[in-house]
Amino acid sequence: MNTPSERDIYKALYTLIIITTFIRIFIASTLEFSVDEVYYWTYALYPDLSHFDHPPMVGFVIQLFSLNLLFDGELAIRLGAIVFSVINTYTIFSIGKYIKNSLTGLYAAFLLNASVYCSVLAGNFIIPDTPQLLFWLLSLKFLLKSLPETRRTKRVRVQFLLGCFFAGFAVLSKYHGVFIWAGIGLFVLFYNRSWLTSATFYTGGLISASFGIPIILWNIQNNWISFNFHGDRVANEMSLRPDYLFTELIGQIAYNNPINYVFIILALIALFGKKLSVGTVYQKILILNSLPIWIVFTSFSLFRQTLPHWTGPAFTPLILIAAVYMYDKISVTKSQKESVIFPGMVKSSVYLMYTLLAAAWLLINFYPGTFGKKEVISKYGDTDFTLDMYGWDQIKAGFEDILNKDIRQSKMPPDAAIISPKYFPGTEIDYYIARPLNKKVLQYGTLSNIHKYAWINKARGDLQVGDDAYMISTSNWYKNPFDYYSNNFQKIIPSDTIQVHRSGKLAYLAFIYQLKGYKGNMPDPFMN
């Protein structure tokens, strides 16, 4: 193989970082928030030691990069993801360089940016996986440098403690971070028990555990509500469902890029066939960093519905194994310098990823109307996933006109709140409509439907007896106010309808309701 110079490799790395960063800035600036993203905006709006469904880190990241929401547009709130993606790319490059060489690191960087999970979900959007991926990679980097060692030099001890430090941050980002310690424990138990006699090992455990203190304190204050919620998610369905497993596996393939997935499978075959040219000890650490979380959540999918991104971190160390496999394959061919830096195997994965990303962006912003349901007006646009991130500016403009008209005609009071029975799309209503119009959003429903709004309602001041309120129900997520609130208000009046168009054609509708005379009998979400 005509091995390129270090200068050429670093030039390719920096070019990758620059191009992907500009793409992420463009995407972050031109797409509305997804349902999940805008929900995590409330973590920054109402920061706490922890939250109902996730630890607090994603909210802290939003606060940091938006200057505590001084800048609260999509780009500012997503800025942490963009910055972290730069760090992630360089980190996985440095890991690949450490376990093999710079070219392997470059391939790993390309594959990371070709992964839908790593590059878009956790790399462009702002969700708990965003900081988790950063800290998972940083932890892995230092664990690879320290766990294999049997001599506890100062350097080794510091590197191990840094690995534990970042593992703690991963836990503070998402509960899944505990699986890093599953990998540490298995490696130490089976391959390097000398760590069990080291005080550094237990100190590292205490460091990681200390990051769970705010989560524990919050849960003590709230009757362990987060753990009960997630426990119910795992245990409430235990009948065997092979279709759920199939859906989970298809999701894993899609989220990690089908071409990446094929290379990972081929790399694992080579690894278990002892045909992968990377140190055995590194292979063990990478596999054990991946296997526990993958086994647990893939096994869950045999009994209940899971989400493919739950196993996302499992594929990050596997990307490094795939990068070694690529290097091995290319090293036995006679290639020119340019094709070695960006070989066909890498190109295919990268091109697929960004072709799909461009297609998704075009669909979201420019598909004429909707490819969702059209038969029933109240469900118009339902099942069209592209509408989740489109049209809120039109609804805001239409609702502002309705609001001003109602106030002029004394139909509704100026301070009437907007209520919603679910956090989706209730939080989008909060961000895109209530925030710019200086309105208050309250959500009333079961705790599993309104999540953090059970606490936000108290912070904002609940409805008082006699209050009037609005409800906005979009046809792609339609919720009938009569089904939710007919016993809580004296009267519910269908008020107006806003049409949302895309490329000149009807995409979906927003139905505006006036809810008159609150009776003061909304059920307590903590009692449901």
Protein backbone atom coordinates (compact mmCIF):
# COMPACT_ATOMS: atom_id res chain seq x y z
CA MET A 1 0.00 0.00 0.00
CA ASN A 2 1.20 3.49 -0.86
CA THR A 3 0.90 4.86 2.66
CA PRO A 4 0.04 8.58 2.76
CA SER A 5 1.99 10.98 4.93
CA GLU A 6 0.80 12.12 8.34
CA ARG A 7 0.33 15.57 6.87
CA ASP A 8 -2.05 14.23 4.21
CA ILE A 9 -4.00 12.23 6.79
CA TYR A 10 -4.42 15.22 9.10
CA LYS A 11 -5.38 17.39 6.13
CA ALA A 12 -8.14 14.89 5.30
CA LEU A 13 -9.26 14.83 8.95
CA TYR A 14 -9.49 18.62 9.19
CA THR A 15 -11.28 18.79 5.84
CA LEU A 16 -13.82 16.25 7.13
CA ILE A 17 -14.34 18.26 10.31
CA ILE A 18 -14.78 21.55 8.45
CA ILE A 19 -17.20 20.18 5.84
CA THR A 20 -19.35 18.26 8.33
CA THR A 21 -19.43 21.23 10.71
CA PHE A 22 -20.76 23.53 7.99
CA ILE A 23 -23.35 20.89 7.07
CA ARG A 24 -24.44 20.65 10.71
CA ILE A 25 -24.68 24.42 11.04
CA PHE A 26 -26.84 24.53 7.92
CA ILE A 27 -29.11 21.72 9.16
CA ALA A 28 -29.38 23.22 12.65
CA SER A 29 -30.32 26.60 11.18
CA THR A 30 -32.89 25.40 8.67
CA LEU A 31 -34.83 22.64 10.43
CA GLU A 32 -37.37 23.14 13.18
CA PHE A 33 -36.89 21.11 16.35
CA SER A 34 -38.00 17.52 16.58
CA VAL A 35 -40.50 16.64 19.30
CA ASP A 36 -37.77 15.30 21.60
CA GLU A 37 -35.34 18.16 21.06
CA VAL A 38 -37.76 20.90 21.97
CA TYR A 39 -38.79 18.94 25.06
CA TYR A 40 -35.16 19.07 26.30
CA TRP A 41 -35.28 22.85 25.86
CA THR A 42 -37.45 22.77 29.00
CA TYR A 43 -34.50 21.20 30.87
CA ALA A 44 -32.60 24.44 30.26
CA LEU A 45 -35.66 26.59 30.89
CA TYR A 46 -36.31 24.88 34.24
CA PRO A 47 -32.96 23.37 35.32
CA ASP A 48 -32.90 20.89 38.17
CA LEU A 49 -30.69 18.24 39.76
CA SER A 50 -32.41 15.70 37.52
CA HIS A 51 -35.65 15.28 35.63
CA PHE A 52 -38.55 12.86 35.32
CA ASP A 53 -37.22 10.92 32.36
CA HIS A 54 -33.50 11.72 32.08
CA PRO A 55 -30.54 13.09 34.03
CA PRO A 56 -29.83 16.81 33.71
CA MET A 57 -26.76 17.05 31.45
CA VAL A 58 -28.51 17.86 28.16
CA GLY A 59 -30.15 20.86 29.83
CA PHE A 60 -26.80 22.05 31.16
CA VAL A 61 -25.30 21.77 27.67
CA ILE A 62 -28.11 23.88 26.21
CA GLN A 63 -27.64 26.46 28.96
CA LEU A 64 -23.89 26.59 28.37
CA PHE A 65 -23.94 27.06 24.62
CA SER A 66 -27.00 29.34 24.47
CA LEU A 67 -25.63 31.50 27.32
CA ASN A 68 -28.49 30.41 29.55
CA LEU A 69 -30.99 30.85 26.69
CA LEU A 70 -29.90 34.42 25.96
CA PHE A 71 -29.82 33.10 22.40
CA ASP A 72 -32.72 30.68 22.04
CA GLY A 73 -33.00 29.93 18.34
CA GLU A 74 -32.51 26.46 16.88
CA LEU A 75 -28.83 26.99 16.07
CA ALA A 76 -27.94 28.27 19.54
CA ILE A 77 -29.77 25.45 21.31
CA ARG A 78 -28.17 22.85 19.01
CA LEU A 79 -24.72 24.45 19.15
CA GLY A 80 -23.48 22.02 21.80
CA ALA A 81 -24.15 19.10 19.47
CA ILE A 82 -22.17 20.76 16.68
CA VAL A 83 -19.19 21.51 18.93
CA PHE A 84 -19.29 18.05 20.47
CA SER A 85 -19.27 16.49 16.99
CA VAL A 86 -15.96 18.17 16.28
CA ILE A 87 -14.52 16.77 19.51
CA ASN A 88 -16.03 13.33 18.81
CA THR A 89 -14.48 13.18 15.37
CA TYR A 90 -11.05 14.07 16.65
CA THR A 91 -11.40 11.75 19.66
CA ILE A 92 -12.27 8.66 17.62
CA PHE A 93 -9.43 9.53 15.25
CA SER A 94 -7.01 9.67 18.17
CA ILE A 95 -8.29 6.33 19.49
CA GLY A 96 -7.85 4.69 16.10
CA LYS A 97 -4.38 6.13 15.85
CA TYR A 98 -3.52 4.81 19.32
CA ILE A 99 -4.72 1.25 18.79
CA LYS A 100 -3.40 0.97 15.23
CA ASN A 101 -2.27 4.01 13.19
CA SER A 102 -3.39 7.37 11.82
CA LEU A 103 -5.03 5.93 8.74
CA THR A 104 -7.17 3.65 10.90
CA GLY A 105 -8.12 6.69 12.97
CA LEU A 106 -9.10 8.55 9.81
CA TYR A 107 -11.34 5.69 8.67
CA ALA A 108 -12.97 5.64 12.10
CA ALA A 109 -13.60 9.38 11.84
CA PHE A 110 -15.25 8.93 8.45
CA LEU A 111 -17.43 6.06 9.69
CA LEU A 112 -18.47 8.04 12.77
CA ASN A 113 -19.65 10.86 10.54
CA ALA A 114 -21.42 8.36 8.29
CA SER A 115 -23.45 6.99 11.21
CA VAL A 116 -26.98 8.39 11.48
CA TYR A 117 -26.89 7.97 15.25
CA CYS A 118 -23.46 9.52 15.81
CA SER A 119 -23.61 12.21 13.14
CA VAL A 120 -27.26 13.32 13.16
CA LEU A 121 -29.26 12.12 16.16
CA ALA A 122 -26.47 12.69 18.69
CA GLY A 123 -24.26 14.81 16.44
CA ASN A 124 -26.59 17.48 15.09
CA PHE A 125 -29.67 17.34 17.29
CA ILE A 126 -29.72 18.10 21.00
CA ILE A 127 -30.87 15.06 22.98
CA PRO A 128 -29.42 13.24 26.02
CA ASP A 129 -27.39 11.04 23.66
CA THR A 130 -25.51 14.17 22.51
CA PRO A 131 -23.40 14.64 25.66
CA GLN A 132 -23.50 10.90 26.37
CA LEU A 133 -21.71 10.11 23.09
CA LEU A 134 -19.01 12.69 23.83
CA PHE A 135 -18.29 11.37 27.31
CA TRP A 136 -18.57 7.74 26.22
CA LEU A 137 -15.84 8.29 23.62
CA LEU A 138 -13.61 10.23 26.00
CA SER A 139 -14.00 7.55 28.64
CA LEU A 140 -13.18 4.81 26.12
CA LYS A 141 -10.05 6.67 25.03
CA PHE A 142 -8.55 6.73 28.52
CA LEU A 143 -9.71 3.23 29.45
CA LEU A 144 -7.96 1.80 26.39
CA LYS A 145 -4.75 3.44 27.60
CA SER A 146 -5.02 2.29 31.20
CA LEU A 147 -7.01 -0.95 31.61
CA PRO A 148 -4.48 -3.25 29.89
CA GLU A 149 -1.61 -2.12 32.15
CA THR A 150 -0.45 -4.23 35.08
CA ARG A 151 2.01 -1.65 36.41
CA ARG A 152 0.26 1.24 38.16
CA THR A 153 2.46 4.13 37.11
CA LYS A 154 1.26 7.64 37.80
CA ARG A 155 0.35 8.04 34.14
CA VAL A 156 -1.74 4.85 34.16
CA ARG A 157 -3.54 5.85 37.35
CA VAL A 158 -4.36 9.30 35.99
CA GLN A 159 -5.64 7.87 32.71
CA PHE A 160 -7.85 5.35 34.48
CA LEU A 161 -9.29 8.03 36.75
CA LEU A 162 -9.96 10.24 33.71
CA GLY A 163 -11.79 7.34 32.09
CA CYS A 164 -13.92 6.99 35.23
CA PHE A 165 -14.45 10.74 35.38
CA PHE A 166 -15.89 10.83 31.86
CA ALA A 167 -17.90 7.66 32.56
CA GLY A 168 -19.54 9.61 35.40
CA PHE A 169 -20.40 12.43 33.01
CA ALA A 170 -21.91 9.84 30.66
CA VAL A 171 -24.18 8.66 33.51
CA LEU A 172 -25.13 12.28 34.22
CA SER A 173 -26.13 12.50 30.55
CA LYS A 174 -28.16 9.30 30.32
CA TYR A 175 -28.64 6.30 32.59
CA HIS A 176 -27.14 4.08 29.89
CA GLY A 177 -23.71 5.40 30.92
CA VAL A 178 -23.60 2.77 33.67
CA PHE A 179 -22.83 0.20 30.98
CA ILE A 180 -19.35 1.66 30.68
CA TRP A 181 -18.69 0.23 34.12
CA ALA A 182 -20.19 -3.09 33.07
CA GLY A 183 -17.45 -3.25 30.46
CA ILE A 184 -14.77 -2.16 32.95
CA GLY A 185 -15.88 -4.76 35.47
CA LEU A 186 -15.97 -7.61 32.95
CA PHE A 187 -12.54 -6.76 31.59
CA VAL A 188 -10.97 -6.54 35.03
CA LEU A 189 -12.68 -9.72 36.20
CA PHE A 190 -11.68 -11.86 33.22
CA TYR A 191 -8.49 -10.30 31.85
CA ASN A 192 -6.68 -8.09 34.36
CA ARG A 193 -7.56 -8.91 37.96
CA SER A 194 -4.51 -7.05 39.21
CA TRP A 195 -6.75 -3.95 39.19
CA LEU A 196 -8.76 -5.50 42.03
CA THR A 197 -5.80 -4.96 44.37
CA SER A 198 -5.40 -1.32 43.37
CA ALA A 199 -6.89 1.52 45.37
CA THR A 200 -7.11 3.46 42.07
CA PHE A 201 -9.75 1.02 40.82
CA TYR A 202 -12.05 1.71 43.75
CA THR A 203 -11.32 5.43 43.69
CA GLY A 204 -12.36 5.45 40.04
CA GLY A 205 -15.58 3.69 40.96
CA LEU A 206 -16.31 6.30 43.61
CA ILE A 207 -15.60 9.11 41.15
CA SER A 208 -18.06 7.68 38.62
CA ALA A 209 -20.65 6.98 41.32
CA SER A 210 -20.40 10.53 42.67
CA PHE A 211 -21.94 11.84 39.44
CA GLY A 212 -25.10 9.97 40.34
CA ILE A 213 -25.55 11.97 43.55
CA PRO A 214 -27.74 14.73 42.04
CA ILE A 215 -29.87 12.09 40.31
CA ILE A 216 -30.33 10.19 43.57
CA LEU A 217 -31.09 13.35 45.57
CA TRP A 218 -33.73 14.46 43.06
CA ASN A 219 -35.33 11.02 43.11
CA ILE A 220 -35.36 10.96 46.91
CA GLN A 221 -37.21 14.28 46.79
CA ASN A 222 -39.64 12.87 44.23
CA ASN A 223 -40.31 9.36 45.59
CA TRP A 224 -37.95 7.61 43.13
CA ILE A 225 -40.25 8.57 40.30
CA SER A 226 -37.63 8.31 37.51
CA PHE A 227 -36.60 4.80 38.44
CA ASN A 228 -40.21 3.70 38.78
CA PHE A 229 -40.99 5.17 35.35
CA HIS A 230 -38.10 3.42 33.61
CA GLY A 231 -38.73 0.23 35.54
CA ASP A 232 -42.30 0.17 34.27
CA ARG A 233 -41.08 0.77 30.72
CA VAL A 234 -38.95 -2.35 30.96
CA ALA A 235 -41.25 -4.67 32.90
CA ASN A 236 -44.79 -3.83 31.82
CA GLU A 237 -44.77 -6.07 28.76
CA MET A 238 -43.22 -9.53 29.06
CA SER A 239 -44.92 -11.59 26.34
CA LEU A 240 -42.62 -12.91 23.64
CA ARG A 241 -42.69 -10.60 20.59
CA PRO A 242 -40.32 -11.57 17.76
CA ASP A 243 -41.75 -8.69 15.68
CA TYR A 244 -40.38 -6.22 18.22
CA LEU A 245 -36.94 -7.84 17.91
CA PHE A 246 -37.12 -7.60 14.13
CA THR A 247 -38.07 -3.91 14.33
CA GLU A 248 -35.23 -3.24 16.77
CA LEU A 249 -32.64 -4.91 14.54
CA ILE A 250 -33.86 -3.08 11.44
CA GLY A 251 -33.70 0.15 13.44
CA GLN A 252 -30.14 -0.55 14.52
CA ILE A 253 -29.13 -1.13 10.90
CA ALA A 254 -30.81 2.10 9.77
CA TYR A 255 -29.53 4.23 12.65
CA ASN A 256 -25.95 3.09 12.15
CA ASN A 257 -26.01 3.25 8.34
CA PRO A 258 -26.55 -0.08 6.53
CA ILE A 259 -23.11 0.07 4.93
CA ASN A 260 -21.44 0.77 8.27
CA TYR A 261 -23.40 -2.15 9.69
CA VAL A 262 -22.12 -4.53 7.01
CA PHE A 263 -18.52 -3.48 7.65
CA ILE A 264 -19.03 -3.96 11.40
CA ILE A 265 -20.35 -7.49 10.84
CA LEU A 266 -17.43 -8.33 8.51
CA ALA A 267 -14.99 -6.85 11.03
CA LEU A 268 -16.46 -8.92 13.86
CA ILE A 269 -16.17 -12.07 11.75
CA ALA A 270 -12.52 -11.23 11.14
CA LEU A 271 -12.00 -10.48 14.83
CA PHE A 272 -13.45 -13.76 16.06
CA GLY A 273 -11.52 -15.54 13.32
CA LYS A 274 -8.35 -13.94 14.70
CA LYS A 275 -7.71 -12.18 11.42
CA LEU A 276 -7.86 -8.58 12.65
CA SER A 277 -4.49 -6.83 12.99
CA VAL A 278 -5.02 -4.99 16.25
CA GLY A 279 -3.86 -5.88 19.74
CA THR A 280 -5.96 -8.58 21.40
CA VAL A 281 -6.28 -6.56 24.57
CA TYR A 282 -7.75 -3.63 22.63
CA GLN A 283 -10.19 -5.98 20.93
CA LYS A 284 -11.41 -7.19 24.33
CA ILE A 285 -11.89 -3.69 25.70
CA LEU A 286 -13.77 -2.54 22.60
CA ILE A 287 -16.05 -5.58 22.58
CA LEU A 288 -16.77 -5.32 26.31
CA ASN A 289 -17.50 -1.60 25.93
CA SER A 290 -20.10 -2.56 23.35
CA LEU A 291 -21.57 -5.93 24.28
CA PRO A 292 -23.33 -5.28 27.64
CA ILE A 293 -25.55 -2.43 26.45
CA TRP A 294 -26.28 -4.17 23.13
CA ILE A 295 -27.26 -7.46 24.79
CA VAL A 296 -29.50 -5.82 27.39
CA PHE A 297 -31.57 -3.64 25.08
CA THR A 298 -31.70 -6.06 22.19
CA SER A 299 -32.92 -8.71 24.64
CA PHE A 300 -35.59 -6.32 25.91
CA SER A 301 -36.90 -6.05 22.35
CA LEU A 302 -37.93 -9.70 22.50
CA PHE A 303 -40.64 -8.72 24.98
CA ARG A 304 -41.46 -5.06 24.51
CA GLN A 305 -41.04 -2.18 22.10
CA THR A 306 -37.65 -0.52 22.29
CA LEU A 307 -36.01 2.41 20.54
CA PRO A 308 -32.97 1.71 18.31
CA HIS A 309 -30.94 4.61 19.64
CA TRP A 310 -30.82 2.96 23.08
CA THR A 311 -28.10 0.68 21.68
CA GLY A 312 -26.38 3.57 19.88
CA PRO A 313 -23.28 3.71 22.11
CA ALA A 314 -22.68 -0.01 21.52
CA PHE A 315 -21.75 0.68 17.92
CA THR A 316 -19.18 3.38 18.67
CA PRO A 317 -16.38 0.96 19.70
CA LEU A 318 -17.47 -1.32 16.85
CA ILE A 319 -16.77 1.53 14.42
CA LEU A 320 -13.14 1.34 15.54
CA ILE A 321 -13.08 -2.40 14.88
CA ALA A 322 -14.54 -1.76 11.42
CA ALA A 323 -11.87 0.89 10.77
CA VAL A 324 -9.13 -1.66 11.55
CA TYR A 325 -10.82 -4.11 9.20
CA MET A 326 -10.82 -1.49 6.44
CA TYR A 327 -7.16 -0.77 6.97
CA ASP A 328 -6.35 -4.47 6.77
CA LYS A 329 -8.27 -4.86 3.53
CA ILE A 330 -6.78 -1.79 1.88
CA SER A 331 -3.25 -2.59 3.01
CA VAL A 332 -3.16 -5.73 0.86
CA THR A 333 -4.09 -3.81 -2.29
CA LYS A 334 -1.97 -1.55 -4.43
CA SER A 335 -3.67 1.81 -4.18
CA GLN A 336 -2.83 5.38 -5.00
CA LYS A 337 -2.48 7.86 -2.16
CA GLU A 338 -5.82 9.58 -2.75
CA SER A 339 -7.86 6.37 -2.75
CA VAL A 340 -6.09 5.17 0.40
CA ILE A 341 -7.14 8.30 2.28
CA PHE A 342 -10.73 8.11 1.06
CA PRO A 343 -11.19 4.57 -0.29
CA GLY A 344 -14.28 3.21 -1.96
CA MET A 345 -15.43 1.37 1.17
CA VAL A 346 -15.45 4.63 3.11
CA LYS A 347 -16.93 6.65 0.26
CA SER A 348 -19.91 4.33 -0.09
CA SER A 349 -20.86 4.78 3.55
CA VAL A 350 -20.31 8.54 3.64
CA TYR A 351 -22.14 9.16 0.36
CA LEU A 352 -25.13 7.08 1.47
CA MET A 353 -25.36 8.94 4.75
CA TYR A 354 -25.29 12.44 3.27
CA THR A 355 -27.50 11.53 0.32
CA LEU A 356 -30.14 10.33 2.78
CA LEU A 357 -29.64 13.44 4.93
CA ALA A 358 -30.11 15.71 1.91
CA ALA A 359 -33.21 13.77 0.89
CA ALA A 360 -34.67 14.04 4.41
CA TRP A 361 -33.99 17.78 4.51
CA LEU A 362 -35.67 18.28 1.14
CA LEU A 363 -38.67 16.16 2.14
CA ILE A 364 -39.14 18.05 5.40
CA ASN A 365 -38.92 21.49 3.84
CA PHE A 366 -40.28 21.06 0.32
CA TYR A 367 -42.39 17.92 -0.17
CA PRO A 368 -45.68 19.21 -1.66
CA GLY A 369 -48.33 18.80 1.03
CA THR A 370 -48.17 15.48 2.82
CA PHE A 371 -47.74 11.80 2.10
CA GLY A 372 -49.64 11.05 5.30
CA LYS A 373 -53.36 10.44 5.79
CA LYS A 374 -55.84 12.60 3.87
CA GLU A 375 -59.16 10.80 4.24
CA VAL A 376 -60.29 12.39 7.53
CA ILE A 377 -59.72 16.10 8.08
CA SER A 378 -58.91 15.70 11.79
CA LYS A 379 -56.15 13.21 10.85
CA TYR A 380 -54.84 15.07 7.82
CA GLY A 381 -51.07 14.52 7.61
CA ASP A 382 -51.03 11.82 10.29
CA THR A 383 -48.20 9.24 9.84
CA ASP A 384 -46.10 11.80 7.87
CA PHE A 385 -42.94 11.92 10.01
CA THR A 386 -41.55 14.87 8.03
CA LEU A 387 -44.26 17.13 9.47
CA ASP A 388 -42.87 16.76 12.99
CA MET A 389 -40.27 19.41 12.08
CA TYR A 390 -42.30 21.68 9.83
CA GLY A 391 -44.96 24.37 9.89
CA TRP A 392 -44.83 25.89 13.36
CA ASP A 393 -44.06 29.37 12.03
CA GLN A 394 -47.29 29.27 10.04
CA ILE A 395 -49.30 28.12 13.05
CA LYS A 396 -47.76 30.84 15.19
CA ALA A 397 -48.68 33.54 12.66
CA GLY A 398 -52.23 32.22 12.32
CA PHE A 399 -52.75 31.86 16.07
CA GLU A 400 -51.47 35.38 16.71
CA ASP A 401 -54.17 36.76 14.41
CA ILE A 402 -56.84 34.66 16.16
CA LEU A 403 -55.55 35.71 19.57
CA ASN A 404 -55.64 39.43 18.73
CA LYS A 405 -59.15 39.10 17.26
CA ASP A 406 -60.44 37.27 20.34
CA ILE A 407 -59.01 39.92 22.64
CA ARG A 408 -60.48 42.77 20.58
CA GLN A 409 -63.89 41.10 20.60
CA SER A 410 -63.60 40.22 24.32
CA LYS A 411 -64.07 36.52 23.55
CA MET A 412 -61.01 35.50 25.53
CA PRO A 413 -58.92 37.22 28.21
CA PRO A 414 -55.41 38.44 27.21
CA ASP A 415 -53.77 36.17 29.79
CA ALA A 416 -55.52 32.96 28.73
CA ALA A 417 -53.12 30.03 28.93
CA ILE A 418 -52.69 27.35 26.29
CA ILE A 419 -53.19 23.81 27.58
CA SER A 420 -52.20 20.46 26.11
CA PRO A 421 -52.78 16.82 27.16
CA LYS A 422 -49.35 15.58 25.99
CA TYR A 423 -45.80 16.88 25.84
CA PHE A 424 -45.80 16.18 22.10
CA PRO A 425 -46.65 18.44 20.43
CA GLY A 426 -47.38 20.47 23.57
CA THR A 427 -43.73 21.44 23.97
CA GLU A 428 -43.53 22.57 20.35
CA ILE A 429 -46.57 24.74 21.02
CA ASP A 430 -44.73 26.08 24.05
CA TYR A 431 -41.55 26.91 22.13
CA TYR A 432 -42.87 28.01 18.75
CA ILE A 433 -46.13 29.70 19.71
CA ALA A 434 -46.34 30.56 23.41
CA ARG A 435 -42.73 31.72 23.83
CA PRO A 436 -42.77 34.42 21.12
CA LEU A 437 -46.32 35.47 22.01
CA ASN A 438 -45.53 35.62 25.74
CA LYS A 439 -48.20 33.07 26.56
CA LYS A 440 -48.19 30.36 29.23
CA VAL A 441 -48.44 26.67 28.34
CA LEU A 442 -49.75 24.20 30.91
CA GLN A 443 -50.18 20.49 30.33
CA TYR A 444 -52.77 18.31 32.00
CA GLY A 445 -52.86 14.55 31.65
CA THR A 446 -51.20 11.47 33.04
CA LEU A 447 -47.60 11.73 34.16
CA SER A 448 -46.52 9.43 31.33
CA ASN A 449 -48.09 11.90 28.88
CA ILE A 450 -46.94 15.25 30.25
CA HIS A 451 -43.58 14.27 31.84
CA LYS A 452 -41.71 17.33 33.15
CA TYR A 453 -44.78 19.55 32.76
CA ALA A 454 -46.16 18.09 35.98
CA TRP A 455 -43.45 20.22 37.64
CA ILE A 456 -43.56 23.08 35.12
CA ASN A 457 -47.27 23.58 35.81
CA LYS A 458 -46.47 24.30 39.45
CA ALA A 459 -43.66 26.69 38.54
CA ARG A 460 -45.89 28.62 36.16
CA GLY A 461 -48.98 28.62 38.32
CA ASP A 462 -51.81 26.22 37.60
CA LEU A 463 -55.16 27.19 36.17
CA GLN A 464 -57.51 28.80 38.65
CA VAL A 465 -61.24 28.18 38.93
CA GLY A 466 -63.07 30.21 36.31
CA ASP A 467 -60.05 30.59 33.99
CA ASP A 468 -60.42 30.30 30.24
CA ALA A 469 -57.77 28.60 28.11
CA TYR A 470 -56.91 27.69 24.54
CA MET A 471 -56.07 24.29 23.15
CA ILE A 472 -54.26 23.86 19.84
CA SER A 473 -54.58 20.41 18.28
CA THR A 474 -52.73 19.62 15.05
CA SER A 475 -54.18 17.08 12.65
CA ASN A 476 -50.92 15.09 12.38
CA TRP A 477 -50.99 14.60 16.20
CA TYR A 478 -54.71 15.15 16.74
CA LYS A 479 -56.04 15.14 20.29
CA ASN A 480 -59.75 15.84 20.75
CA PRO A 481 -60.24 18.28 23.67
CA PHE A 482 -63.67 16.77 24.40
CA ASP A 483 -61.97 13.42 25.11
CA TYR A 484 -59.57 15.00 27.59
CA TYR A 485 -61.23 18.04 29.17
CA SER A 486 -65.02 17.86 28.75
CA ASN A 487 -65.44 17.35 32.51
CA ASN A 488 -62.98 20.09 33.46
CA PHE A 489 -64.49 23.12 31.70
CA GLN A 490 -67.99 24.48 31.49
CA LYS A 491 -67.81 24.76 27.73
CA ILE A 492 -65.44 23.82 24.87
CA ILE A 493 -65.88 25.85 21.69
CA PRO A 494 -64.22 25.00 18.34
CA SER A 495 -62.90 28.42 17.43
CA ASP A 496 -60.87 28.43 14.25
CA THR A 497 -58.66 26.37 11.95
CA ILE A 498 -55.20 27.19 10.62
CA GLN A 499 -53.97 25.59 7.41
CA VAL A 500 -50.29 24.69 7.11
CA HIS A 501 -49.02 24.53 3.55
CA ARG A 502 -45.82 23.07 2.17
CA SER A 503 -44.73 23.95 -1.36
CA GLY A 504 -48.15 25.41 -2.00
CA LYS A 505 -50.18 22.38 -0.92
CA LEU A 506 -52.04 21.58 2.28
CA ALA A 507 -49.80 19.63 4.67
CA TYR A 508 -51.82 19.58 7.88
CA LEU A 509 -54.13 21.70 10.01
CA ALA A 510 -54.16 23.20 13.47
CA PHE A 511 -57.53 23.33 15.22
CA ILE A 512 -58.01 26.10 17.79
CA TYR A 513 -60.39 25.54 20.69
CA GLN A 514 -61.62 27.88 23.40
CA LEU A 515 -62.05 26.16 26.77
CA LYS A 516 -64.33 28.29 28.94
CA GLY A 517 -64.75 28.31 32.70
CA TYR A 518 -62.28 25.97 34.35
CA LYS A 519 -64.03 24.00 37.11
CA GLY A 520 -60.92 23.36 39.18
CA ASN A 521 -61.09 19.56 39.01
CA MET A 522 -58.06 18.59 36.93
CA PRO A 523 -56.71 15.20 38.10
CA ASP A 524 -53.35 15.09 39.86
CA PRO A 525 -50.78 13.47 37.47
CA PHE A 526 -48.87 12.09 40.46
CA MET A 527 -51.90 10.08 41.49
CA ASN A 528 -52.36 8.37 38.07
